[in-house]
Amino acid sequence: MPHLELTLKGHEESVNEVAFIHGTRLLVTGSDDKSLRVWDLDTGKQVGVPLLGHDSAVWRVAASPDGRWVVSGGDNGSILVWEVGTNKPELKRVSLSFKGHEGCVRGIVFAPDSETFASASVDKTVCVWKRETGKIVLGPFRVGSGANFVSFSPDGRKLTAGTEKHIIVWNTKTGEELLKIEQRAWRVAFTPDDGLRLVSGCYKDIRILDATTGDTIKQLDAHSETLYSLVIAPSGTKFATTSYDKMTRFFDLTTFELIGEPFEHPDAVWGVAFSEDSQLVATCCDDKLVRIW
């Protein structure tokens, strides 16, 4: 049976996203209450005061692979970057402006080098940004429909986006479009082992796709209601999905079979994240709480 380790309470409205900060025992969350919060996993307590800066709900939060940076995306298209403290557990806002999106940032992710990050917006664009300058270095790619999520391949050479009509893959060096699959995707991610496959989620189902040809390798029924989040564990052995059906489910990335019992929540589960060693799972829920399993 799933074992609940911690319940983190502090946000005043629904919690939309959660991310582990690499190399630390810290967690960062974003909420409809327009704040980010940092949590100490050893004490189960919030670190410092809520982090303000967004004028609207914080929809997306991502931590860099080197553990030094956090990027957050807002409902109004705003993007902020935060520096992780080296001597004490805190985040400090970087005084740079990342202007480009005109609508909700639905997806945000760092590249493997931690120097650039990509964002996806309902304004139908995908952008790649230089963290140090605030400038767009690739794109904006105009994708024709609302962009929902973005993911880099393990080597950083490819970027994929899930949109309301397609899954698209680009070469990150040239900006060339390498693949376009006619399929809506709310979530999409490269597999962390070799990047040869894509895992996508849309409505109630999951598809495993060939990242070169776009062919469907496997289709799975995941949830009884709309899927909201899909994350692959850093170990590359499994992935997790969350849904409006109040469940977090786990799948084996080799056999595609369900793993164990689902994690049950009292309300819709908006986000899920794995710790760096894939041993801990964090979920965030419409009930304003964050849970560590």
C-alpha atoms as a PDB file:
ATOM      1  CA  MET A   1       0.000   0.000   0.000  1.00  0.00           C
ATOM      2  CA  PRO A   2       1.197   3.574  -0.673  1.00  0.00           C
ATOM      3  CA  HIS A   3       2.703   5.188   2.402  1.00  0.00           C
ATOM      4  CA  LEU A   4       2.107   8.917   3.008  1.00  0.00           C
ATOM      5  CA  GLU A   5       5.302  10.392   4.504  1.00  0.00           C
ATOM      6  CA  LEU A   6       4.424  14.088   4.807  1.00  0.00           C
ATOM      7  CA  THR A   7       1.573  16.518   4.222  1.00  0.00           C
ATOM      8  CA  LEU A   8       2.674  20.092   3.504  1.00  0.00           C
ATOM      9  CA  LYS A   9       0.170  22.802   4.368  1.00  0.00           C
ATOM     10  CA  GLY A  10       0.531  26.507   3.640  1.00  0.00           C
ATOM     11  CA  HIS A  11      -0.865  27.481   0.256  1.00  0.00           C
ATOM     12  CA  GLU A  12      -4.137  29.389   0.396  1.00  0.00           C
ATOM     13  CA  GLU A  13      -5.500  28.064  -2.905  1.00  0.00           C
ATOM     14  CA  SER A  14      -5.096  25.068  -5.208  1.00  0.00           C
ATOM     15  CA  VAL A  15      -1.498  23.865  -5.740  1.00  0.00           C
ATOM     16  CA  ASN A  16      -0.768  23.472  -9.449  1.00  0.00           C
ATOM     17  CA  GLU A  17       2.815  22.273  -9.660  1.00  0.00           C
ATOM     18  CA  VAL A  18       5.579  20.721  -7.583  1.00  0.00           C
ATOM     19  CA  ALA A  19       9.304  20.143  -8.209  1.00  0.00           C
ATOM     20  CA  PHE A  20      12.208  18.654  -6.261  1.00  0.00           C
ATOM     21  CA  ILE A  21      15.350  20.833  -6.266  1.00  0.00           C
ATOM     22  CA  HIS A  22      18.245  18.588  -7.296  1.00  0.00           C
ATOM     23  CA  GLY A  23      21.043  18.037  -4.816  1.00  0.00           C
ATOM     24  CA  THR A  24      18.965  19.299  -1.889  1.00  0.00           C
ATOM     25  CA  ARG A  25      16.209  18.177   0.452  1.00  0.00           C
ATOM     26  CA  LEU A  26      14.015  21.002  -0.796  1.00  0.00           C
ATOM     27  CA  LEU A  27      10.751  21.079  -2.703  1.00  0.00           C
ATOM     28  CA  VAL A  28       9.214  24.052  -4.511  1.00  0.00           C
ATOM     29  CA  THR A  29       5.518  24.513  -5.312  1.00  0.00           C
ATOM     30  CA  GLY A  30       3.364  26.960  -7.281  1.00  0.00           C
ATOM     31  CA  SER A  31      -0.249  27.832  -6.591  1.00  0.00           C
ATOM     32  CA  ASP A  32      -3.366  29.730  -7.603  1.00  0.00           C
ATOM     33  CA  ASP A  33      -2.569  31.989  -4.628  1.00  0.00           C
ATOM     34  CA  LYS A  34       0.104  33.612  -6.892  1.00  0.00           C
ATOM     35  CA  SER A  35       2.983  32.376  -4.738  1.00  0.00           C
ATOM     36  CA  LEU A  36       5.809  29.875  -4.827  1.00  0.00           C
ATOM     37  CA  ARG A  37       6.788  28.166  -1.595  1.00  0.00           C
ATOM     38  CA  VAL A  38       9.877  26.229  -0.585  1.00  0.00           C
ATOM     39  CA  TRP A  39       9.631  23.223   1.735  1.00  0.00           C
ATOM     40  CA  ASP A  40      12.210  21.373   3.817  1.00  0.00           C
ATOM     41  CA  LEU A  41      11.647  17.631   3.423  1.00  0.00           C
ATOM     42  CA  ASP A  42      13.530  16.846   6.645  1.00  0.00           C
ATOM     43  CA  THR A  43      11.225  18.973   8.807  1.00  0.00           C
ATOM     44  CA  GLY A  44       8.089  19.033   6.658  1.00  0.00           C
ATOM     45  CA  LYS A  45       7.979  22.801   7.176  1.00  0.00           C
ATOM     46  CA  GLN A  46       7.822  25.756   4.831  1.00  0.00           C
ATOM     47  CA  VAL A  47      11.146  27.569   4.456  1.00  0.00           C
ATOM     48  CA  GLY A  48      10.824  31.335   4.839  1.00  0.00           C
ATOM     49  CA  VAL A  49       7.950  33.395   3.519  1.00  0.00           C
ATOM     50  CA  PRO A  50       5.882  32.808   0.366  1.00  0.00           C
ATOM     51  CA  LEU A  51       7.728  33.943  -2.777  1.00  0.00           C
ATOM     52  CA  LEU A  52       5.809  36.656  -4.581  1.00  0.00           C
ATOM     53  CA  GLY A  53       6.312  38.230  -7.984  1.00  0.00           C
ATOM     54  CA  HIS A  54       3.607  36.769 -10.187  1.00  0.00           C
ATOM     55  CA  ASP A  55       0.470  38.863 -10.743  1.00  0.00           C
ATOM     56  CA  SER A  56      -1.614  35.768 -11.407  1.00  0.00           C
ATOM     57  CA  ALA A  57      -1.806  32.081 -10.537  1.00  0.00           C
ATOM     58  CA  VAL A  58       1.483  30.176 -10.767  1.00  0.00           C
ATOM     59  CA  TRP A  59       0.793  27.350 -13.183  1.00  0.00           C
ATOM     60  CA  ARG A  60       4.199  25.810 -13.734  1.00  0.00           C
ATOM     61  CA  VAL A  61       7.405  25.369 -11.735  1.00  0.00           C
ATOM     62  CA  ALA A  62      10.603  23.606 -12.860  1.00  0.00           C
ATOM     63  CA  ALA A  63      14.021  23.128 -11.250  1.00  0.00           C
ATOM     64  CA  SER A  64      17.285  23.031 -13.209  1.00  0.00           C
ATOM     65  CA  PRO A  65      19.299  19.787 -13.430  1.00  0.00           C
ATOM     66  CA  ASP A  66      22.255  21.448 -11.647  1.00  0.00           C
ATOM     67  CA  GLY A  67      20.020  22.386  -8.695  1.00  0.00           C
ATOM     68  CA  ARG A  68      20.895  26.093  -8.895  1.00  0.00           C
ATOM     69  CA  TRP A  69      17.808  27.577 -10.546  1.00  0.00           C
ATOM     70  CA  VAL A  70      14.008  27.458 -10.535  1.00  0.00           C
ATOM     71  CA  VAL A  71      11.752  28.857 -13.254  1.00  0.00           C
ATOM     72  CA  SER A  72       8.051  29.594 -12.816  1.00  0.00           C
ATOM     73  CA  GLY A  73       5.289  30.361 -15.302  1.00  0.00           C
ATOM     74  CA  GLY A  74       2.095  32.273 -14.629  1.00  0.00           C
ATOM     75  CA  ASP A  75      -1.477  32.292 -15.841  1.00  0.00           C
ATOM     76  CA  ASN A  76      -0.911  35.670 -17.526  1.00  0.00           C
ATOM     77  CA  GLY A  77       2.169  34.573 -19.493  1.00  0.00           C
ATOM     78  CA  SER A  78       4.731  35.855 -16.989  1.00  0.00           C
ATOM     79  CA  ILE A  79       7.983  33.929 -16.434  1.00  0.00           C
ATOM     80  CA  LEU A  80      10.289  34.400 -13.440  1.00  0.00           C
ATOM     81  CA  VAL A  81      13.647  32.806 -12.643  1.00  0.00           C
ATOM     82  CA  TRP A  82      14.840  32.204  -9.080  1.00  0.00           C
ATOM     83  CA  GLU A  83      18.336  31.407  -7.804  1.00  0.00           C
ATOM     84  CA  VAL A  84      18.707  28.667  -5.208  1.00  0.00           C
ATOM     85  CA  GLY A  85      20.739  29.790  -2.173  1.00  0.00           C
ATOM     86  CA  THR A  86      24.126  28.104  -1.760  1.00  0.00           C
ATOM     87  CA  ASN A  87      24.527  28.562   1.995  1.00  0.00           C
ATOM     88  CA  LYS A  88      20.927  28.492   3.163  1.00  0.00           C
ATOM     89  CA  PRO A  89      17.656  27.051   1.859  1.00  0.00           C
ATOM     90  CA  GLU A  90      16.082  29.955  -0.004  1.00  0.00           C
ATOM     91  CA  LEU A  91      15.131  31.176  -3.465  1.00  0.00           C
ATOM     92  CA  LYS A  92      16.054  34.662  -4.655  1.00  0.00           C
ATOM     93  CA  ARG A  93      14.312  36.193  -7.659  1.00  0.00           C
ATOM     94  CA  VAL A  94      16.578  37.048 -10.588  1.00  0.00           C
ATOM     95  CA  SER A  95      16.010  40.608 -11.798  1.00  0.00           C
ATOM     96  CA  LEU A  96      15.504  39.743 -15.444  1.00  0.00           C
ATOM     97  CA  SER A  97      12.418  40.143 -17.612  1.00  0.00           C
ATOM     98  CA  PHE A  98      11.317  37.170 -19.715  1.00  0.00           C
ATOM     99  CA  LYS A  99       8.753  38.763 -22.026  1.00  0.00           C
ATOM    100  CA  GLY A 100       7.260  36.925 -24.956  1.00  0.00           C
ATOM    101  CA  HIS A 101       4.090  35.047 -24.033  1.00  0.00           C
ATOM    102  CA  GLU A 102       0.645  36.628 -24.108  1.00  0.00           C
ATOM    103  CA  GLY A 103      -1.250  33.811 -22.401  1.00  0.00           C
ATOM    104  CA  CYS A 104      -1.015  31.192 -19.675  1.00  0.00           C
ATOM    105  CA  VAL A 105       2.291  29.290 -19.484  1.00  0.00           C
ATOM    106  CA  ARG A 106       1.152  25.672 -19.462  1.00  0.00           C
ATOM    107  CA  GLY A 107       4.550  24.039 -19.757  1.00  0.00           C
ATOM    108  CA  ILE A 108       8.083  24.935 -18.678  1.00  0.00           C
ATOM    109  CA  VAL A 109      11.261  22.853 -18.478  1.00  0.00           C
ATOM    110  CA  PHE A 110      15.022  23.342 -18.237  1.00  0.00           C
ATOM    111  CA  ALA A 111      17.401  21.931 -20.827  1.00  0.00           C
ATOM    112  CA  PRO A 112      19.970  19.395 -19.562  1.00  0.00           C
ATOM    113  CA  ASP A 113      22.670  22.116 -19.513  1.00  0.00           C
ATOM    114  CA  SER A 114      20.601  24.285 -17.084  1.00  0.00           C
ATOM    115  CA  GLU A 115      21.517  27.314 -19.250  1.00  0.00           C
ATOM    116  CA  THR A 116      18.329  27.419 -21.306  1.00  0.00           C
ATOM    117  CA  PHE A 117      14.706  26.518 -20.701  1.00  0.00           C
ATOM    118  CA  ALA A 118      11.635  26.051 -22.887  1.00  0.00           C
ATOM    119  CA  SER A 119       8.083  27.247 -22.356  1.00  0.00           C
ATOM    120  CA  ALA A 120       4.699  26.447 -23.906  1.00  0.00           C
ATOM    121  CA  SER A 121       1.706  28.770 -23.835  1.00  0.00           C
ATOM    122  CA  VAL A 122      -1.955  28.983 -24.735  1.00  0.00           C
ATOM    123  CA  ASP A 123      -0.912  31.840 -27.050  1.00  0.00           C
ATOM    124  CA  LYS A 124       0.034  29.047 -29.503  1.00  0.00           C
ATOM    125  CA  THR A 125       3.789  29.542 -29.194  1.00  0.00           C
ATOM    126  CA  VAL A 126       6.775  27.602 -27.853  1.00  0.00           C
ATOM    127  CA  CYS A 127       9.939  29.492 -26.886  1.00  0.00           C
ATOM    128  CA  VAL A 128      13.452  28.579 -25.759  1.00  0.00           C
ATOM    129  CA  TRP A 129      15.050  31.158 -23.440  1.00  0.00           C
ATOM    130  CA  LYS A 130      18.572  31.935 -22.291  1.00  0.00           C
ATOM    131  CA  ARG A 131      18.374  31.929 -18.507  1.00  0.00           C
ATOM    132  CA  GLU A 132      21.250  34.378 -18.086  1.00  0.00           C
ATOM    133  CA  THR A 133      19.943  37.086 -20.440  1.00  0.00           C
ATOM    134  CA  GLY A 134      16.162  36.690 -20.550  1.00  0.00           C
ATOM    135  CA  LYS A 135      16.291  36.534 -24.347  1.00  0.00           C
ATOM    136  CA  ILE A 136      14.512  34.077 -26.648  1.00  0.00           C
ATOM    137  CA  VAL A 137      17.220  32.023 -28.398  1.00  0.00           C
ATOM    138  CA  LEU A 138      14.966  29.658 -30.362  1.00  0.00           C
ATOM    139  CA  GLY A 139      11.498  30.452 -31.634  1.00  0.00           C
ATOM    140  CA  PRO A 140       8.927  31.587 -30.967  1.00  0.00           C
ATOM    141  CA  PHE A 141       7.621  28.516 -32.738  1.00  0.00           C
ATOM    142  CA  ARG A 142       4.047  29.200 -33.838  1.00  0.00           C
ATOM    143  CA  VAL A 143       2.317  25.855 -33.414  1.00  0.00           C
ATOM    144  CA  GLY A 144      -1.214  26.709 -34.599  1.00  0.00           C
ATOM    145  CA  SER A 145      -3.056  25.760 -31.409  1.00  0.00           C
ATOM    146  CA  GLY A 146      -2.610  26.093 -27.672  1.00  0.00           C
ATOM    147  CA  ALA A 147       0.732  24.670 -26.540  1.00  0.00           C
ATOM    148  CA  ASN A 148       0.395  22.535 -23.420  1.00  0.00           C
ATOM    149  CA  PHE A 149       3.781  21.100 -22.503  1.00  0.00           C
ATOM    150  CA  VAL A 150       7.461  20.879 -23.467  1.00  0.00           C
ATOM    151  CA  SER A 151      10.271  18.377 -22.921  1.00  0.00           C
ATOM    152  CA  PHE A 152      13.941  18.126 -23.949  1.00  0.00           C
ATOM    153  CA  SER A 153      15.604  14.917 -25.053  1.00  0.00           C
ATOM    154  CA  PRO A 154      18.261  13.616 -22.615  1.00  0.00           C
ATOM    155  CA  ASP A 155      21.098  15.031 -24.737  1.00  0.00           C
ATOM    156  CA  GLY A 156      19.304  18.371 -25.231  1.00  0.00           C
ATOM    157  CA  ARG A 157      19.431  18.077 -29.005  1.00  0.00           C
ATOM    158  CA  LYS A 158      15.681  17.790 -29.461  1.00  0.00           C
ATOM    159  CA  LEU A 159      12.662  19.582 -28.036  1.00  0.00           C
ATOM    160  CA  THR A 160       9.108  18.283 -28.134  1.00  0.00           C
ATOM    161  CA  ALA A 161       5.830  20.059 -27.467  1.00  0.00           C
ATOM    162  CA  GLY A 162       2.328  18.770 -26.936  1.00  0.00           C
ATOM    163  CA  THR A 163      -0.382  21.025 -28.347  1.00  0.00           C
ATOM    164  CA  GLU A 164      -4.152  20.947 -28.762  1.00  0.00           C
ATOM    165  CA  LYS A 165      -3.709  19.392 -32.225  1.00  0.00           C
ATOM    166  CA  HIS A 166      -0.195  17.969 -32.563  1.00  0.00           C
ATOM    167  CA  ILE A 167       2.964  16.623 -31.006  1.00  0.00           C
ATOM    168  CA  ILE A 168       5.950  18.401 -32.580  1.00  0.00           C
ATOM    169  CA  VAL A 169       9.689  17.689 -32.336  1.00  0.00           C
ATOM    170  CA  TRP A 170      12.406  20.232 -33.245  1.00  0.00           C
ATOM    171  CA  ASN A 171      16.178  20.202 -33.572  1.00  0.00           C
ATOM    172  CA  THR A 172      17.342  22.599 -30.816  1.00  0.00           C
ATOM    173  CA  LYS A 173      20.475  23.659 -32.718  1.00  0.00           C
ATOM    174  CA  THR A 174      18.852  24.606 -36.013  1.00  0.00           C
ATOM    175  CA  GLY A 175      15.187  25.021 -35.076  1.00  0.00           C
ATOM    176  CA  GLU A 176      14.259  22.577 -37.837  1.00  0.00           C
ATOM    177  CA  GLU A 177      10.965  20.745 -37.365  1.00  0.00           C
ATOM    178  CA  LEU A 178      11.808  17.037 -37.318  1.00  0.00           C
ATOM    179  CA  LEU A 179       8.418  15.464 -36.656  1.00  0.00           C
ATOM    180  CA  LYS A 180       4.762  16.430 -36.423  1.00  0.00           C
ATOM    181  CA  ILE A 181       2.211  13.898 -35.178  1.00  0.00           C
ATOM    182  CA  GLU A 182      -1.494  14.616 -35.598  1.00  0.00           C
ATOM    183  CA  GLN A 183      -2.445  13.955 -32.002  1.00  0.00           C
ATOM    184  CA  ARG A 184      -3.482  16.206 -29.124  1.00  0.00           C
ATOM    185  CA  ALA A 185      -1.225  15.956 -26.072  1.00  0.00           C
ATOM    186  CA  TRP A 186      -1.715  17.585 -22.690  1.00  0.00           C
ATOM    187  CA  ARG A 187       1.601  16.088 -21.578  1.00  0.00           C
ATOM    188  CA  VAL A 188       4.548  14.699 -23.504  1.00  0.00           C
ATOM    189  CA  ALA A 189       8.061  13.648 -22.477  1.00  0.00           C
ATOM    190  CA  PHE A 190      11.117  11.961 -23.948  1.00  0.00           C
ATOM    191  CA  THR A 191      12.177   8.763 -22.223  1.00  0.00           C
ATOM    192  CA  PRO A 192      15.288   9.529 -20.122  1.00  0.00           C
ATOM    193  CA  ASP A 193      17.339   6.504 -21.174  1.00  0.00           C
ATOM    194  CA  ASP A 194      17.935   7.286 -24.823  1.00  0.00           C
ATOM    195  CA  GLY A 195      15.204   9.690 -25.930  1.00  0.00           C
ATOM    196  CA  LEU A 196      14.076   7.208 -28.576  1.00  0.00           C
ATOM    197  CA  ARG A 197      10.507   7.168 -27.310  1.00  0.00           C
ATOM    198  CA  LEU A 198       7.907   9.718 -26.325  1.00  0.00           C
ATOM    199  CA  VAL A 199       5.286   9.213 -23.633  1.00  0.00           C
ATOM    200  CA  SER A 200       2.190  11.360 -24.157  1.00  0.00           C
ATOM    201  CA  GLY A 201      -1.021  11.823 -22.226  1.00  0.00           C
ATOM    202  CA  CYS A 202      -4.331  13.111 -23.542  1.00  0.00           C
ATOM    203  CA  TYR A 203      -7.745  13.035 -21.852  1.00  0.00           C
ATOM    204  CA  LYS A 204      -7.904   9.512 -20.366  1.00  0.00           C
ATOM    205  CA  ASP A 205      -5.243   7.642 -22.312  1.00  0.00           C
ATOM    206  CA  ILE A 206      -1.472   7.376 -22.601  1.00  0.00           C
ATOM    207  CA  ARG A 207       0.521   6.610 -25.732  1.00  0.00           C
ATOM    208  CA  ILE A 208       4.080   5.398 -26.131  1.00  0.00           C
ATOM    209  CA  LEU A 209       5.427   6.730 -29.423  1.00  0.00           C
ATOM    210  CA  ASP A 210       8.523   6.255 -31.552  1.00  0.00           C
ATOM    211  CA  ALA A 211      10.306   9.630 -31.308  1.00  0.00           C
ATOM    212  CA  THR A 212      11.674   9.348 -34.851  1.00  0.00           C
ATOM    213  CA  THR A 213       8.715   8.055 -36.860  1.00  0.00           C
ATOM    214  CA  GLY A 214       5.823   9.063 -34.596  1.00  0.00           C
ATOM    215  CA  ASP A 215       4.380   5.543 -34.747  1.00  0.00           C
ATOM    216  CA  THR A 216       2.323   4.423 -31.749  1.00  0.00           C
ATOM    217  CA  ILE A 217       4.079   1.596 -29.891  1.00  0.00           C
ATOM    218  CA  LYS A 218       1.472   1.170 -27.166  1.00  0.00           C
ATOM    219  CA  GLN A 219      -1.775   2.788 -26.044  1.00  0.00           C
ATOM    220  CA  LEU A 220      -2.954   2.553 -22.442  1.00  0.00           C
ATOM    221  CA  ASP A 221      -6.101   3.439 -20.566  1.00  0.00           C
ATOM    222  CA  ALA A 222      -4.889   5.457 -17.601  1.00  0.00           C
ATOM    223  CA  HIS A 223      -7.726   7.158 -15.751  1.00  0.00           C
ATOM    224  CA  SER A 224     -11.497   7.309 -15.507  1.00  0.00           C
ATOM    225  CA  GLU A 225     -11.420  11.090 -15.924  1.00  0.00           C
ATOM    226  CA  THR A 226      -9.164  13.720 -17.547  1.00  0.00           C
ATOM    227  CA  LEU A 227      -5.401  13.263 -17.144  1.00  0.00           C
ATOM    228  CA  TYR A 228      -3.529  16.307 -15.840  1.00  0.00           C
ATOM    229  CA  SER A 229       0.094  15.377 -15.269  1.00  0.00           C
ATOM    230  CA  LEU A 230       2.593  12.843 -16.582  1.00  0.00           C
ATOM    231  CA  VAL A 231       6.172  12.559 -15.324  1.00  0.00           C
ATOM    232  CA  ILE A 232       8.861   9.958 -16.030  1.00  0.00           C
ATOM    233  CA  ALA A 233      11.056   8.922 -13.083  1.00  0.00           C
ATOM    234  CA  PRO A 234      14.768   9.876 -13.396  1.00  0.00           C
ATOM    235  CA  SER A 235      15.584   6.156 -13.103  1.00  0.00           C
ATOM    236  CA  GLY A 236      13.810   5.620 -16.429  1.00  0.00           C
ATOM    237  CA  THR A 237      11.963   2.569 -15.111  1.00  0.00           C
ATOM    238  CA  LYS A 238       8.490   4.008 -14.541  1.00  0.00           C
ATOM    239  CA  PHE A 239       6.229   7.004 -14.990  1.00  0.00           C
ATOM    240  CA  ALA A 240       3.412   8.561 -13.006  1.00  0.00           C
ATOM    241  CA  THR A 241       0.146  10.168 -14.067  1.00  0.00           C
ATOM    242  CA  THR A 242      -2.437  12.243 -12.192  1.00  0.00           C
ATOM    243  CA  SER A 243      -6.027  13.038 -12.939  1.00  0.00           C
ATOM    244  CA  TYR A 244      -9.274  14.716 -12.067  1.00  0.00           C
ATOM    245  CA  ASP A 245     -10.315  11.245 -10.835  1.00  0.00           C
ATOM    246  CA  LYS A 246      -8.273  12.014  -7.640  1.00  0.00           C
ATOM    247  CA  MET A 247      -5.697   9.306  -8.389  1.00  0.00           C
ATOM    248  CA  THR A 248      -1.973   9.120  -9.027  1.00  0.00           C
ATOM    249  CA  ARG A 249      -1.078   5.980 -10.957  1.00  0.00           C
ATOM    250  CA  PHE A 250       2.269   4.380 -11.815  1.00  0.00           C
ATOM    251  CA  PHE A 251       3.278   2.429 -14.913  1.00  0.00           C
ATOM    252  CA  ASP A 252       6.304   0.292 -15.742  1.00  0.00           C
ATOM    253  CA  LEU A 253       8.145   1.855 -18.694  1.00  0.00           C
ATOM    254  CA  THR A 254       9.259  -1.554 -20.002  1.00  0.00           C
ATOM    255  CA  THR A 255       6.090  -3.638 -19.683  1.00  0.00           C
ATOM    256  CA  PHE A 256       3.641  -0.684 -19.598  1.00  0.00           C
ATOM    257  CA  GLU A 257       1.767  -2.493 -16.810  1.00  0.00           C
ATOM    258  CA  LEU A 258       0.314  -0.738 -13.772  1.00  0.00           C
ATOM    259  CA  ILE A 259       2.579  -0.756 -10.728  1.00  0.00           C
ATOM    260  CA  GLY A 260       0.924  -1.323  -7.351  1.00  0.00           C
ATOM    261  CA  GLU A 261      -2.074   0.531  -6.003  1.00  0.00           C
ATOM    262  CA  PRO A 262      -2.876   4.138  -6.986  1.00  0.00           C
ATOM    263  CA  PHE A 263      -2.280   6.982  -4.541  1.00  0.00           C
ATOM    264  CA  GLU A 264      -5.725   8.264  -3.582  1.00  0.00           C
ATOM    265  CA  HIS A 265      -6.434  11.940  -2.877  1.00  0.00           C
ATOM    266  CA  PRO A 266      -9.534  13.791  -1.643  1.00  0.00           C
ATOM    267  CA  ASP A 267      -9.619  16.029  -4.724  1.00  0.00           C
ATOM    268  CA  ALA A 268      -8.246  16.463  -8.249  1.00  0.00           C
ATOM    269  CA  VAL A 269      -4.472  15.933  -8.478  1.00  0.00           C
ATOM    270  CA  TRP A 270      -2.843  18.611 -10.630  1.00  0.00           C
ATOM    271  CA  GLY A 271       0.836  17.676 -10.464  1.00  0.00           C
ATOM    272  CA  VAL A 272       3.369  14.996  -9.583  1.00  0.00           C
ATOM    273  CA  ALA A 273       7.177  14.865  -9.307  1.00  0.00           C
ATOM    274  CA  PHE A 274       9.851  12.280  -8.529  1.00  0.00           C
ATOM    275  CA  SER A 275      12.872  12.913  -6.332  1.00  0.00           C
ATOM    276  CA  GLU A 276      16.317  12.690  -7.933  1.00  0.00           C
ATOM    277  CA  ASP A 277      16.743   9.064  -6.778  1.00  0.00           C
ATOM    278  CA  SER A 278      13.152   8.206  -7.834  1.00  0.00           C
ATOM    279  CA  GLN A 279      12.387   7.018  -4.273  1.00  0.00           C
ATOM    280  CA  LEU A 280      10.059   9.841  -3.213  1.00  0.00           C
ATOM    281  CA  VAL A 281       6.970  11.127  -4.994  1.00  0.00           C
ATOM    282  CA  ALA A 282       5.368  14.527  -4.432  1.00  0.00           C
ATOM    283  CA  THR A 283       1.795  15.283  -5.470  1.00  0.00           C
ATOM    284  CA  CYS A 284      -0.141  18.555  -5.388  1.00  0.00           C
ATOM    285  CA  CYS A 285      -3.867  18.777  -5.139  1.00  0.00           C
ATOM    286  CA  ASP A 286      -6.907  20.997  -5.496  1.00  0.00           C
ATOM    287  CA  ASP A 287      -7.313  20.774  -1.698  1.00  0.00           C
ATOM    288  CA  LYS A 288      -4.342  23.224  -1.256  1.00  0.00           C
ATOM    289  CA  LEU A 289      -2.069  20.472   0.123  1.00  0.00           C
ATOM    290  CA  VAL A 290       1.160  18.867  -1.058  1.00  0.00           C
ATOM    291  CA  ARG A 291       1.824  15.221  -0.182  1.00  0.00           C
ATOM    292  CA  ILE A 292       5.099  13.318  -0.051  1.00  0.00           C
ATOM    293  CA  TRP A 293       4.872   9.549  -0.542  1.00  0.00           C
END
